[in-house]
N, C-alpha and C. Protein backbone atom coordinates (compact mmCIF):
# COMPACT_ATOMS: atom_id res chain seq x y z
N GLN A 1 70.49 135.55 101.78
CA GLN A 1 70.20 134.65 102.90
C GLN A 1 69.42 133.42 102.45
N GLY A 2 69.28 133.25 101.14
CA GLY A 2 68.41 132.19 100.63
C GLY A 2 69.08 130.83 100.60
N THR A 3 69.21 130.18 101.77
CA THR A 3 69.71 128.80 101.82
C THR A 3 68.66 127.95 102.52
N GLU A 4 68.60 126.67 102.13
CA GLU A 4 67.60 125.78 102.71
C GLU A 4 68.12 124.36 102.70
N LEU A 5 67.94 123.65 103.82
CA LEU A 5 68.29 122.23 103.90
C LEU A 5 67.07 121.43 103.49
N LEU A 6 67.11 120.87 102.28
CA LEU A 6 65.95 120.14 101.76
C LEU A 6 65.88 118.71 102.27
N MET A 7 67.04 118.09 102.52
CA MET A 7 67.06 116.71 103.01
C MET A 7 68.12 116.60 104.10
N PRO A 8 67.73 116.29 105.31
CA PRO A 8 68.71 116.12 106.39
C PRO A 8 69.50 114.82 106.18
N PHE A 9 70.57 114.64 106.95
CA PHE A 9 71.37 113.42 106.84
C PHE A 9 70.52 112.21 107.21
N GLN A 10 70.49 111.24 106.30
CA GLN A 10 69.68 110.04 106.48
C GLN A 10 70.08 109.03 105.40
N PRO A 11 69.71 107.76 105.57
CA PRO A 11 69.96 106.79 104.49
C PRO A 11 69.32 107.26 103.19
N LEU A 12 70.01 107.00 102.08
CA LEU A 12 69.57 107.53 100.79
C LEU A 12 68.28 106.86 100.32
N ASP A 13 67.31 107.71 99.95
CA ASP A 13 66.10 107.28 99.25
C ASP A 13 66.22 107.84 97.83
N PRO A 14 66.69 107.04 96.86
CA PRO A 14 66.98 107.57 95.52
C PRO A 14 65.81 108.31 94.87
N GLU A 15 64.59 107.78 95.01
CA GLU A 15 63.45 108.43 94.36
C GLU A 15 63.17 109.79 94.98
N GLN A 16 63.18 109.85 96.31
CA GLN A 16 62.95 111.12 96.98
C GLN A 16 64.04 112.12 96.64
N PHE A 17 65.29 111.64 96.64
CA PHE A 17 66.42 112.52 96.32
C PHE A 17 66.28 113.06 94.90
N SER A 18 65.92 112.20 93.96
CA SER A 18 65.77 112.62 92.57
C SER A 18 64.67 113.67 92.42
N ARG A 19 63.57 113.48 93.15
CA ARG A 19 62.48 114.45 93.07
C ARG A 19 62.94 115.82 93.57
N ARG A 20 63.71 115.82 94.66
CA ARG A 20 64.20 117.09 95.19
C ARG A 20 65.16 117.77 94.21
N ILE A 21 66.05 116.97 93.62
CA ILE A 21 66.99 117.54 92.65
C ILE A 21 66.25 118.17 91.47
N HIS A 22 65.24 117.47 90.96
CA HIS A 22 64.52 117.97 89.80
C HIS A 22 63.58 119.11 90.13
N SER A 23 63.41 119.41 91.41
CA SER A 23 62.55 120.53 91.79
C SER A 23 63.29 121.86 91.77
N PHE A 24 64.63 121.80 91.60
CA PHE A 24 65.42 123.04 91.63
C PHE A 24 65.08 123.94 90.44
N LYS A 25 65.07 125.24 90.71
CA LYS A 25 64.89 126.24 89.66
C LYS A 25 66.09 127.19 89.69
N PRO A 26 66.69 127.46 88.54
CA PRO A 26 67.89 128.32 88.49
C PRO A 26 67.53 129.79 88.64
N THR A 27 67.20 130.20 89.86
CA THR A 27 66.84 131.59 90.13
C THR A 27 67.58 132.08 91.37
N GLY A 28 67.59 133.39 91.58
CA GLY A 28 68.12 133.94 92.82
C GLY A 28 69.60 134.23 92.78
N TRP A 29 70.14 134.51 93.95
CA TRP A 29 71.53 134.89 94.12
C TRP A 29 72.37 133.66 94.50
N THR A 30 73.64 133.94 94.85
CA THR A 30 74.56 132.82 95.09
C THR A 30 75.31 133.02 96.40
N PRO A 31 74.70 132.66 97.54
CA PRO A 31 75.35 132.82 98.85
C PRO A 31 76.24 131.63 99.20
N ILE A 32 77.38 131.49 98.51
CA ILE A 32 78.23 130.32 98.72
C ILE A 32 78.81 130.30 100.13
N GLY A 33 79.37 131.44 100.56
CA GLY A 33 79.97 131.50 101.89
C GLY A 33 78.98 131.14 102.98
N LEU A 34 77.78 131.72 102.92
CA LEU A 34 76.74 131.44 103.92
C LEU A 34 76.33 129.97 103.89
N SER A 35 76.22 129.39 102.70
CA SER A 35 75.82 127.98 102.59
C SER A 35 76.85 127.07 103.27
N LEU A 36 78.14 127.37 103.09
CA LEU A 36 79.16 126.56 103.73
C LEU A 36 79.15 126.75 105.24
N GLN A 37 78.90 127.96 105.70
CA GLN A 37 78.82 128.20 107.14
C GLN A 37 77.67 127.42 107.76
N GLN A 38 76.53 127.40 107.08
CA GLN A 38 75.39 126.66 107.60
C GLN A 38 75.59 125.15 107.47
N ALA A 39 76.35 124.75 106.47
CA ALA A 39 76.67 123.32 106.33
C ALA A 39 77.47 122.84 107.53
N MET A 40 78.32 123.72 108.09
CA MET A 40 79.09 123.34 109.28
C MET A 40 78.16 122.97 110.43
N GLN A 41 77.06 123.70 110.57
CA GLN A 41 76.09 123.38 111.61
C GLN A 41 75.40 122.05 111.33
N ASP A 42 75.11 121.78 110.06
CA ASP A 42 74.47 120.51 109.71
C ASP A 42 75.38 119.32 110.03
N PHE A 43 76.66 119.43 109.65
CA PHE A 43 77.61 118.34 109.88
C PHE A 43 77.91 118.15 111.37
N ASP A 44 77.72 119.18 112.15
CA ASP A 44 78.05 119.11 113.57
C ASP A 44 77.16 118.12 114.31
N THR A 45 76.07 117.69 113.68
CA THR A 45 75.16 116.73 114.32
C THR A 45 75.62 115.29 114.13
N LEU A 46 76.65 115.06 113.29
CA LEU A 46 77.06 113.70 112.95
C LEU A 46 78.08 113.16 113.94
N ASP A 47 78.24 111.83 113.92
CA ASP A 47 79.26 111.15 114.71
C ASP A 47 80.62 111.46 114.11
N LYS A 48 81.43 112.23 114.82
CA LYS A 48 82.70 112.69 114.26
C LYS A 48 83.76 111.59 114.24
N GLU A 49 83.58 110.53 115.04
CA GLU A 49 84.59 109.48 115.11
C GLU A 49 84.50 108.54 113.93
N ASN A 50 83.30 108.32 113.39
CA ASN A 50 83.11 107.29 112.37
C ASN A 50 82.57 107.84 111.05
N ALA A 51 82.68 109.14 110.85
CA ALA A 51 82.14 109.75 109.62
C ALA A 51 83.26 110.26 108.73
N THR A 52 83.10 110.05 107.43
CA THR A 52 83.95 110.70 106.43
C THR A 52 83.11 111.78 105.78
N ASN A 53 83.42 113.03 106.06
CA ASN A 53 82.56 114.13 105.64
C ASN A 53 83.02 114.73 104.32
N ILE A 54 82.12 114.78 103.36
CA ILE A 54 82.43 115.31 102.03
C ILE A 54 81.30 116.25 101.61
N ILE A 55 81.69 117.39 101.07
CA ILE A 55 80.73 118.31 100.47
C ILE A 55 81.03 118.40 98.98
N VAL A 56 79.99 118.27 98.16
CA VAL A 56 80.11 118.52 96.72
C VAL A 56 79.27 119.75 96.43
N LEU A 57 79.94 120.86 96.16
CA LEU A 57 79.27 122.12 95.90
C LEU A 57 79.20 122.35 94.39
N VAL A 58 78.01 122.53 93.87
CA VAL A 58 77.82 122.81 92.45
C VAL A 58 77.33 124.25 92.33
N SER A 59 78.05 125.06 91.60
CA SER A 59 77.66 126.47 91.45
C SER A 59 77.75 126.89 89.98
N ASP A 60 76.80 127.75 89.59
CA ASP A 60 76.82 128.26 88.21
C ASP A 60 77.44 129.65 88.14
N GLY A 61 78.09 130.09 89.25
CA GLY A 61 78.70 131.42 89.20
C GLY A 61 79.43 131.77 90.48
N ILE A 62 79.86 133.01 90.54
CA ILE A 62 80.66 133.53 91.63
C ILE A 62 79.78 133.87 92.83
N GLU A 63 80.38 134.00 94.01
CA GLU A 63 79.68 134.50 95.20
C GLU A 63 79.09 135.88 94.90
N THR A 64 77.78 136.05 95.21
CA THR A 64 77.13 137.34 94.90
C THR A 64 76.47 137.95 96.13
N CYS A 65 76.75 137.41 97.33
CA CYS A 65 76.05 137.89 98.52
C CYS A 65 76.99 138.42 99.59
N GLY A 66 78.20 138.80 99.19
CA GLY A 66 79.13 139.40 100.12
C GLY A 66 79.88 138.42 101.00
N GLY A 67 79.70 137.15 100.81
CA GLY A 67 80.41 136.16 101.61
C GLY A 67 81.82 135.91 101.09
N ASP A 68 82.58 135.13 101.84
CA ASP A 68 83.94 134.76 101.44
C ASP A 68 84.01 133.24 101.32
N PRO A 69 83.81 132.69 100.13
CA PRO A 69 83.80 131.23 99.96
C PRO A 69 85.12 130.58 100.36
N VAL A 70 86.24 131.24 100.09
CA VAL A 70 87.54 130.66 100.41
C VAL A 70 87.70 130.54 101.92
N ALA A 71 87.41 131.60 102.66
CA ALA A 71 87.54 131.57 104.12
C ALA A 71 86.55 130.58 104.72
N ALA A 72 85.33 130.51 104.20
CA ALA A 72 84.32 129.60 104.73
C ALA A 72 84.73 128.14 104.49
N ALA A 73 85.28 127.88 103.30
CA ALA A 73 85.72 126.51 102.99
C ALA A 73 86.88 126.10 103.88
N ARG A 74 87.83 127.01 104.08
CA ARG A 74 88.99 126.71 104.93
C ARG A 74 88.54 126.46 106.37
N ALA A 75 87.64 127.27 106.88
CA ALA A 75 87.16 127.11 108.26
C ALA A 75 86.46 125.77 108.44
N LEU A 76 85.67 125.37 107.46
CA LEU A 76 84.96 124.09 107.56
C LEU A 76 85.93 122.91 107.50
N HIS A 77 86.91 123.00 106.59
CA HIS A 77 87.88 121.91 106.45
C HIS A 77 88.79 121.80 107.67
N ASP A 78 89.16 122.95 108.25
CA ASP A 78 90.08 122.94 109.39
C ASP A 78 89.38 122.72 110.73
N SER A 79 88.06 122.68 110.74
CA SER A 79 87.32 122.45 111.98
C SER A 79 87.38 120.98 112.37
N ASN A 80 86.78 120.64 113.51
CA ASN A 80 86.76 119.23 113.92
C ASN A 80 85.89 118.38 113.01
N ILE A 81 85.12 119.01 112.14
CA ILE A 81 84.32 118.26 111.16
C ILE A 81 85.21 117.74 110.04
N ALA A 82 86.24 118.52 109.68
CA ALA A 82 87.26 118.12 108.70
C ALA A 82 86.66 117.67 107.37
N ALA A 83 85.67 118.41 106.89
CA ALA A 83 85.03 118.04 105.62
C ALA A 83 85.95 118.38 104.45
N ASP A 84 86.00 117.49 103.46
CA ASP A 84 86.66 117.79 102.18
C ASP A 84 85.61 118.40 101.25
N ILE A 85 85.94 119.55 100.67
CA ILE A 85 84.97 120.30 99.88
C ILE A 85 85.39 120.27 98.41
N HIS A 86 84.66 119.51 97.61
CA HIS A 86 84.88 119.45 96.17
C HIS A 86 83.87 120.40 95.50
N ILE A 87 84.33 121.13 94.51
CA ILE A 87 83.46 122.13 93.88
C ILE A 87 83.43 121.90 92.37
N ILE A 88 82.21 121.92 91.83
CA ILE A 88 82.01 121.81 90.39
C ILE A 88 81.47 123.14 89.89
N GLY A 89 82.20 123.78 88.98
CA GLY A 89 81.73 125.00 88.35
C GLY A 89 80.95 124.64 87.10
N PHE A 90 79.64 124.93 87.12
CA PHE A 90 78.79 124.52 86.00
C PHE A 90 78.66 125.66 84.99
N ASP A 91 79.42 125.52 83.90
CA ASP A 91 79.37 126.49 82.80
C ASP A 91 79.66 127.91 83.30
N VAL A 92 80.76 128.05 84.09
CA VAL A 92 81.09 129.34 84.69
C VAL A 92 82.15 130.06 83.86
N ASP A 93 82.27 131.38 84.10
CA ASP A 93 83.30 132.15 83.41
C ASP A 93 84.63 132.03 84.17
N ALA A 94 85.67 132.64 83.63
CA ALA A 94 87.01 132.48 84.19
C ALA A 94 87.10 133.05 85.61
N LYS A 95 86.45 134.19 85.87
CA LYS A 95 86.50 134.80 87.19
C LYS A 95 85.86 133.90 88.24
N ALA A 96 84.70 133.36 87.92
CA ALA A 96 84.02 132.45 88.85
C ALA A 96 84.83 131.18 89.05
N ALA A 97 85.40 130.65 87.97
CA ALA A 97 86.20 129.43 88.07
C ALA A 97 87.39 129.64 89.00
N ALA A 98 88.04 130.81 88.92
CA ALA A 98 89.19 131.09 89.78
C ALA A 98 88.79 131.12 91.25
N GLN A 99 87.66 131.76 91.55
CA GLN A 99 87.20 131.83 92.94
C GLN A 99 86.81 130.44 93.45
N LEU A 100 86.09 129.69 92.65
CA LEU A 100 85.64 128.36 93.07
C LEU A 100 86.82 127.41 93.24
N LYS A 101 87.80 127.53 92.37
CA LYS A 101 89.00 126.69 92.48
C LYS A 101 89.75 127.00 93.78
N ALA A 102 89.87 128.29 94.11
CA ALA A 102 90.55 128.68 95.35
C ALA A 102 89.80 128.15 96.57
N ALA A 103 88.47 128.18 96.53
CA ALA A 103 87.66 127.68 97.64
C ALA A 103 87.84 126.17 97.79
N ALA A 104 87.88 125.44 96.66
CA ALA A 104 88.06 123.99 96.72
C ALA A 104 89.42 123.64 97.31
N THR A 105 90.46 124.36 96.91
CA THR A 105 91.80 124.12 97.45
C THR A 105 91.83 124.39 98.95
N ALA A 106 91.22 125.49 99.37
CA ALA A 106 91.18 125.82 100.80
C ALA A 106 90.39 124.79 101.58
N GLY A 107 89.42 124.17 100.91
CA GLY A 107 88.57 123.18 101.58
C GLY A 107 89.11 121.76 101.50
N GLY A 108 90.35 121.59 101.03
CA GLY A 108 90.94 120.26 100.99
C GLY A 108 90.40 119.38 99.88
N GLY A 109 89.73 119.97 98.90
CA GLY A 109 89.15 119.18 97.81
C GLY A 109 89.72 119.56 96.46
N HIS A 110 88.95 119.28 95.40
CA HIS A 110 89.38 119.56 94.03
C HIS A 110 88.28 120.34 93.31
N TYR A 111 88.70 121.05 92.30
CA TYR A 111 87.75 121.81 91.47
C TYR A 111 87.58 121.10 90.13
N TYR A 112 86.33 121.08 89.63
CA TYR A 112 86.03 120.44 88.35
C TYR A 112 85.18 121.40 87.51
N ASP A 113 85.49 121.46 86.23
CA ASP A 113 84.66 122.22 85.28
C ASP A 113 83.64 121.27 84.65
N ALA A 114 82.43 121.76 84.47
CA ALA A 114 81.40 121.00 83.75
C ALA A 114 80.59 121.98 82.91
N HIS A 115 80.34 121.61 81.67
CA HIS A 115 79.62 122.51 80.77
C HIS A 115 78.28 121.93 80.32
N ASN A 116 78.00 120.69 80.70
CA ASN A 116 76.73 120.07 80.33
C ASN A 116 76.44 118.94 81.30
N ALA A 117 75.31 118.30 81.12
CA ALA A 117 74.88 117.26 82.06
C ALA A 117 75.85 116.08 82.11
N ASN A 118 76.37 115.68 80.94
CA ASN A 118 77.30 114.55 80.92
C ASN A 118 78.57 114.84 81.70
N GLU A 119 79.13 116.04 81.52
CA GLU A 119 80.34 116.40 82.24
C GLU A 119 80.08 116.54 83.74
N LEU A 120 78.90 117.01 84.10
CA LEU A 120 78.53 117.08 85.51
C LEU A 120 78.47 115.68 86.11
N SER A 121 77.88 114.74 85.39
CA SER A 121 77.79 113.36 85.87
C SER A 121 79.18 112.74 86.01
N GLU A 122 80.06 113.00 85.03
CA GLU A 122 81.42 112.46 85.08
C GLU A 122 82.17 113.01 86.30
N ALA A 123 82.01 114.30 86.57
CA ALA A 123 82.69 114.90 87.72
C ALA A 123 82.19 114.28 89.02
N MET A 124 80.88 114.12 89.13
CA MET A 124 80.31 113.49 90.33
C MET A 124 80.83 112.07 90.51
N THR A 125 80.85 111.32 89.43
CA THR A 125 81.32 109.93 89.50
C THR A 125 82.77 109.87 89.93
N PHE A 126 83.61 110.76 89.38
CA PHE A 126 85.02 110.76 89.73
C PHE A 126 85.21 111.09 91.20
N ILE A 127 84.46 112.06 91.71
CA ILE A 127 84.59 112.46 93.12
C ILE A 127 84.33 111.27 94.03
N PHE A 128 83.27 110.53 93.77
CA PHE A 128 82.93 109.42 94.66
C PHE A 128 83.80 108.20 94.42
N ASN A 129 84.28 108.01 93.19
CA ASN A 129 85.26 106.95 92.96
C ASN A 129 86.56 107.25 93.69
N GLN A 130 86.95 108.53 93.72
CA GLN A 130 88.16 108.94 94.42
C GLN A 130 88.01 108.67 95.92
N LYS A 131 86.84 108.90 96.46
CA LYS A 131 86.58 108.61 97.86
C LYS A 131 86.76 107.11 98.13
N GLU A 132 86.20 106.27 97.26
CA GLU A 132 86.34 104.83 97.43
C GLU A 132 87.81 104.42 97.35
N TRP A 133 88.56 105.01 96.41
CA TRP A 133 89.98 104.68 96.28
C TRP A 133 90.74 105.04 97.55
N ASN A 134 90.49 106.24 98.09
CA ASN A 134 91.19 106.67 99.30
C ASN A 134 90.91 105.73 100.46
N GLU A 135 89.65 105.30 100.59
CA GLU A 135 89.31 104.37 101.67
C GLU A 135 89.98 103.02 101.45
N PHE A 136 90.04 102.55 100.18
CA PHE A 136 90.70 101.28 99.89
C PHE A 136 92.19 101.36 100.22
N TRP A 137 92.83 102.47 99.80
CA TRP A 137 94.26 102.65 100.05
C TRP A 137 94.55 102.66 101.54
N LEU A 138 93.74 103.40 102.30
CA LEU A 138 93.94 103.48 103.74
C LEU A 138 93.74 102.12 104.39
N CYS A 139 92.72 101.38 103.95
CA CYS A 139 92.45 100.05 104.51
C CYS A 139 93.62 99.11 104.24
N MET A 140 94.13 99.12 103.00
CA MET A 140 95.22 98.22 102.65
C MET A 140 96.49 98.55 103.43
N ARG A 141 96.80 99.85 103.55
CA ARG A 141 97.99 100.25 104.30
C ARG A 141 97.86 99.84 105.77
N THR A 142 96.67 100.06 106.34
CA THR A 142 96.44 99.71 107.74
C THR A 142 96.57 98.21 107.94
N THR A 143 95.98 97.43 107.01
CA THR A 143 96.05 95.97 107.12
C THR A 143 97.49 95.48 107.00
N ALA A 144 98.25 96.05 106.07
CA ALA A 144 99.65 95.65 105.89
C ALA A 144 100.46 95.95 107.15
N ASN A 145 100.24 97.13 107.71
CA ASN A 145 101.00 97.50 108.91
C ASN A 145 100.64 96.62 110.10
N LYS A 146 99.34 96.31 110.22
CA LYS A 146 98.92 95.42 111.32
C LYS A 146 99.51 94.03 111.13
N HIS A 147 99.52 93.55 109.88
CA HIS A 147 100.09 92.24 109.57
C HIS A 147 101.56 92.20 109.99
N TRP A 148 102.28 93.26 109.65
CA TRP A 148 103.69 93.33 110.01
C TRP A 148 103.87 93.38 111.52
N LEU A 149 103.10 94.23 112.19
CA LEU A 149 103.28 94.44 113.61
C LEU A 149 102.97 93.18 114.40
N VAL A 150 101.82 92.55 114.10
CA VAL A 150 101.42 91.37 114.86
C VAL A 150 102.40 90.23 114.65
N ASN A 151 102.72 89.95 113.38
CA ASN A 151 103.60 88.82 113.09
C ASN A 151 105.03 89.08 113.55
N ASN A 152 105.51 90.30 113.37
CA ASN A 152 106.88 90.57 113.76
C ASN A 152 107.05 90.53 115.27
N THR A 153 106.02 90.95 116.00
CA THR A 153 106.08 90.86 117.47
C THR A 153 106.17 89.41 117.91
N ALA A 154 105.35 88.55 117.28
CA ALA A 154 105.38 87.13 117.62
C ALA A 154 106.73 86.51 117.27
N ILE A 155 107.26 86.90 116.12
CA ILE A 155 108.56 86.35 115.70
C ILE A 155 109.66 86.79 116.65
N ASN A 156 109.65 88.05 117.03
CA ASN A 156 110.67 88.54 117.96
C ASN A 156 110.58 87.83 119.31
N ASP A 157 109.35 87.59 119.76
CA ASP A 157 109.18 86.86 121.02
C ASP A 157 109.75 85.45 120.92
N SER A 158 109.48 84.79 119.77
CA SER A 158 110.00 83.43 119.58
C SER A 158 111.52 83.45 119.52
N TRP A 159 112.07 84.42 118.80
CA TRP A 159 113.52 84.52 118.68
C TRP A 159 114.17 84.69 120.04
N LEU A 160 113.61 85.58 120.86
CA LEU A 160 114.16 85.78 122.20
C LEU A 160 114.07 84.52 123.04
N CYS A 161 112.94 83.82 122.90
CA CYS A 161 112.75 82.58 123.66
C CYS A 161 113.78 81.53 123.25
N TYR A 162 113.95 81.32 121.95
CA TYR A 162 114.89 80.30 121.48
C TYR A 162 116.32 80.64 121.90
N MET A 163 116.71 81.90 121.73
CA MET A 163 118.07 82.28 122.08
C MET A 163 118.31 82.16 123.58
N SER A 164 117.29 82.52 124.35
CA SER A 164 117.42 82.42 125.81
C SER A 164 117.57 80.97 126.23
N LYS A 165 116.74 80.09 125.65
CA LYS A 165 116.83 78.66 125.98
C LYS A 165 118.19 78.10 125.57
N ALA A 166 118.64 78.47 124.38
CA ALA A 166 119.93 77.95 123.91
C ALA A 166 121.06 78.39 124.83
N ASN A 167 121.09 79.63 125.19
CA ASN A 167 122.16 80.14 126.04
C ASN A 167 122.11 79.56 127.45
N ASP A 168 120.87 79.50 128.00
CA ASP A 168 120.74 78.97 129.37
C ASP A 168 121.14 77.50 129.43
N GLU A 169 120.67 76.73 128.44
CA GLU A 169 120.98 75.30 128.47
C GLU A 169 122.47 75.06 128.28
N TRP A 170 123.06 75.79 127.35
CA TRP A 170 124.50 75.63 127.13
C TRP A 170 125.28 75.96 128.39
N LEU A 171 124.95 77.05 129.03
CA LEU A 171 125.68 77.49 130.21
C LEU A 171 125.52 76.51 131.37
N ASN A 172 124.28 76.12 131.64
CA ASN A 172 124.03 75.23 132.78
C ASN A 172 124.66 73.86 132.60
N MET A 173 124.45 73.25 131.45
CA MET A 173 124.95 71.89 131.24
C MET A 173 126.46 71.87 131.08
N ASN A 174 127.01 72.87 130.41
CA ASN A 174 128.46 72.92 130.25
C ASN A 174 129.15 73.11 131.60
N ASN A 175 128.54 73.92 132.45
CA ASN A 175 129.09 74.09 133.79
C ASN A 175 129.10 72.77 134.56
N GLU A 176 128.01 71.98 134.41
CA GLU A 176 127.94 70.70 135.09
C GLU A 176 129.03 69.75 134.60
N VAL A 177 129.21 69.69 133.30
CA VAL A 177 130.23 68.81 132.73
C VAL A 177 131.61 69.24 133.20
N ASN A 178 131.90 70.54 133.14
CA ASN A 178 133.21 71.03 133.56
C ASN A 178 133.46 70.78 135.05
N ALA A 179 132.40 70.88 135.85
CA ALA A 179 132.55 70.70 137.30
C ALA A 179 132.90 69.27 137.66
N HIS A 180 132.55 68.31 136.79
CA HIS A 180 132.80 66.90 137.10
C HIS A 180 133.73 66.24 136.10
N THR A 181 134.56 67.03 135.45
CA THR A 181 135.47 66.48 134.45
C THR A 181 136.41 65.45 135.05
N ASP A 182 136.91 65.71 136.25
CA ASP A 182 137.88 64.80 136.87
C ASP A 182 137.27 63.44 137.16
N SER A 183 135.99 63.42 137.50
CA SER A 183 135.35 62.14 137.87
C SER A 183 134.59 61.51 136.71
N THR A 184 134.58 62.19 135.58
CA THR A 184 133.82 61.69 134.42
C THR A 184 134.78 61.24 133.34
N TYR A 185 134.49 60.11 132.77
CA TYR A 185 135.32 59.61 131.69
C TYR A 185 135.36 60.66 130.58
N GLN A 186 136.58 60.97 130.13
CA GLN A 186 136.75 62.07 129.20
C GLN A 186 135.91 61.88 127.93
N GLY A 187 135.83 60.66 127.46
CA GLY A 187 135.04 60.40 126.26
C GLY A 187 133.58 60.72 126.48
N CYS A 188 133.06 60.40 127.69
CA CYS A 188 131.67 60.71 128.03
C CYS A 188 131.48 62.23 128.09
N ALA A 189 132.47 62.92 128.68
CA ALA A 189 132.38 64.38 128.76
C ALA A 189 132.34 65.00 127.36
N ASN A 190 133.17 64.47 126.48
CA ASN A 190 133.16 64.98 125.11
C ASN A 190 131.82 64.74 124.43
N TYR A 191 131.29 63.54 124.69
CA TYR A 191 129.98 63.19 124.10
C TYR A 191 128.90 64.16 124.56
N LEU A 192 128.88 64.40 125.88
CA LEU A 192 127.89 65.32 126.42
C LEU A 192 128.07 66.72 125.86
N SER A 193 129.32 67.13 125.75
CA SER A 193 129.59 68.47 125.20
C SER A 193 129.09 68.59 123.76
N ASP A 194 129.31 67.52 122.97
CA ASP A 194 128.84 67.53 121.59
C ASP A 194 127.32 67.59 121.52
N ARG A 195 126.67 66.83 122.43
CA ARG A 195 125.20 66.82 122.44
C ARG A 195 124.66 68.20 122.81
N ILE A 196 125.29 68.86 123.77
CA ILE A 196 124.86 70.19 124.17
C ILE A 196 125.02 71.16 122.99
N SER A 197 126.14 71.05 122.30
CA SER A 197 126.37 71.93 121.16
C SER A 197 125.33 71.71 120.07
N ALA A 198 124.98 70.42 119.86
CA ALA A 198 123.98 70.11 118.83
C ALA A 198 122.63 70.72 119.18
N ARG A 199 122.23 70.61 120.46
CA ARG A 199 120.95 71.19 120.87
C ARG A 199 120.99 72.72 120.76
N THR A 200 122.13 73.28 121.12
CA THR A 200 122.26 74.74 121.00
C THR A 200 122.14 75.16 119.54
N ASP A 201 122.73 74.38 118.64
CA ASP A 201 122.63 74.69 117.22
C ASP A 201 121.17 74.67 116.76
N LYS A 202 120.39 73.71 117.30
CA LYS A 202 118.97 73.63 116.90
C LYS A 202 118.22 74.89 117.33
N PHE A 203 118.46 75.32 118.56
CA PHE A 203 117.78 76.53 119.03
C PHE A 203 118.20 77.74 118.20
N GLN A 204 119.48 77.80 117.89
CA GLN A 204 119.96 78.93 117.09
C GLN A 204 119.40 78.88 115.67
N GLN A 205 119.19 77.66 115.14
CA GLN A 205 118.58 77.52 113.82
C GLN A 205 117.14 78.00 113.85
N LYS A 206 116.42 77.66 114.94
CA LYS A 206 115.04 78.15 115.06
C LYS A 206 115.02 79.68 115.12
N ALA A 207 116.00 80.25 115.82
CA ALA A 207 116.08 81.71 115.88
C ALA A 207 116.35 82.28 114.48
N ALA A 208 117.24 81.61 113.73
CA ALA A 208 117.53 82.05 112.36
C ALA A 208 116.28 81.93 111.48
N ASP A 209 115.52 80.83 111.67
CA ASP A 209 114.29 80.65 110.91
C ASP A 209 113.30 81.77 111.22
N ALA A 210 113.24 82.17 112.50
CA ALA A 210 112.35 83.26 112.88
C ALA A 210 112.75 84.55 112.18
N ASN A 211 114.07 84.79 112.09
CA ASN A 211 114.54 85.98 111.38
C ASN A 211 114.17 85.92 109.90
N ALA A 212 114.29 84.73 109.32
CA ALA A 212 113.95 84.58 107.90
C ALA A 212 112.46 84.82 107.68
N GLN A 213 111.64 84.34 108.62
CA GLN A 213 110.20 84.56 108.51
C GLN A 213 109.88 86.05 108.63
N SER A 214 110.60 86.73 109.52
CA SER A 214 110.40 88.18 109.66
C SER A 214 110.74 88.89 108.36
N ASP A 215 111.84 88.47 107.71
CA ASP A 215 112.21 89.08 106.43
C ASP A 215 111.15 88.82 105.37
N ARG A 216 110.59 87.60 105.37
CA ARG A 216 109.56 87.27 104.38
C ARG A 216 108.33 88.15 104.56
N ILE A 217 107.92 88.34 105.81
CA ILE A 217 106.75 89.17 106.06
C ILE A 217 107.02 90.61 105.68
N ARG A 218 108.24 91.08 105.96
CA ARG A 218 108.60 92.45 105.57
C ARG A 218 108.52 92.62 104.05
N LYS A 219 108.96 91.58 103.30
CA LYS A 219 108.90 91.64 101.85
C LYS A 219 107.44 91.64 101.37
N GLU A 220 106.57 90.87 102.05
CA GLU A 220 105.16 90.86 101.69
C GLU A 220 104.56 92.25 101.86
N VAL A 221 104.87 92.88 102.99
CA VAL A 221 104.35 94.21 103.25
C VAL A 221 104.90 95.20 102.22
N ASP A 222 106.18 95.09 101.90
CA ASP A 222 106.78 95.97 100.90
C ASP A 222 106.09 95.80 99.54
N ALA A 223 105.76 94.54 99.21
CA ALA A 223 105.09 94.28 97.93
C ALA A 223 103.72 94.93 97.89
N ILE A 224 102.99 94.85 99.01
CA ILE A 224 101.67 95.49 99.09
C ILE A 224 101.80 96.98 98.91
N GLU A 225 102.81 97.57 99.58
CA GLU A 225 103.00 99.01 99.48
C GLU A 225 103.39 99.43 98.06
N ARG A 226 104.20 98.60 97.38
CA ARG A 226 104.55 98.91 95.99
C ARG A 226 103.32 98.86 95.09
N GLN A 227 102.46 97.85 95.32
CA GLN A 227 101.23 97.75 94.52
C GLN A 227 100.34 98.97 94.75
N LEU A 228 100.22 99.38 96.01
CA LEU A 228 99.40 100.54 96.31
C LEU A 228 99.96 101.80 95.66
N GLU A 229 101.29 101.93 95.70
CA GLU A 229 101.92 103.10 95.11
C GLU A 229 101.69 103.13 93.60
N ALA A 230 101.78 101.93 92.97
CA ALA A 230 101.55 101.85 91.53
C ALA A 230 100.12 102.22 91.20
N LEU A 231 99.17 101.72 92.01
CA LEU A 231 97.76 102.08 91.79
C LEU A 231 97.54 103.56 92.00
N LYS A 232 98.22 104.11 93.00
CA LYS A 232 98.06 105.52 93.28
C LYS A 232 98.54 106.36 92.10
N GLN A 233 99.64 105.94 91.45
CA GLN A 233 100.17 106.67 90.31
C GLN A 233 99.21 106.65 89.12
N GLN A 234 98.34 105.61 89.09
CA GLN A 234 97.39 105.50 87.99
C GLN A 234 96.18 106.39 88.16
N GLN A 235 95.99 106.94 89.37
CA GLN A 235 94.84 107.80 89.61
C GLN A 235 95.00 109.10 88.82
N PRO A 236 93.91 109.60 88.22
CA PRO A 236 94.00 110.85 87.43
C PRO A 236 94.42 112.01 88.32
């Protein structure tokens, strides 16, 4: 039952945090399952709409207090808290590594081996760099989709407007010319018909330009998505 919350959620004070970390003593048992269950209560106090919840669990061995780390990790990840649980096995044996790896997978995270301080630091750095990458990727995809949606909606509206104007003007004016053909000099009627056709062509050209702009924006979005995919492939 030996779990303790040493620092509640708050803005980071590096010096205070460092003092607490260096106060740890490697003694006692390993209640991993219980620690994750109590972590769920700690996270439950946070704003669930605007929080990205991550747990980094560092353990030097297997669960020794009768708990079920895999079930506890899965319950925490599948809850409304939706925490991703990354686990670092610090100089553990194969049996402990297997259990910790299974718990990390159930918790939506990754497992890392570390055998010394440098490897522990590298694992920590990678975990938080991965978090930054995921947020960057999500932001870029969201921005690209919004760019497409906003611009394409405007383009479609313009296209409909131009085509509607072209069709309405052609229909109305052509009807007028046809209705008065007998009383209108044929050359004048032809002239008016040509002018109507020319104006209709302009509206249709604007509609075509709108389509071309839509294609250009789609290509821009596709290029962004290709860049993101390429960056994603470069992630370890």
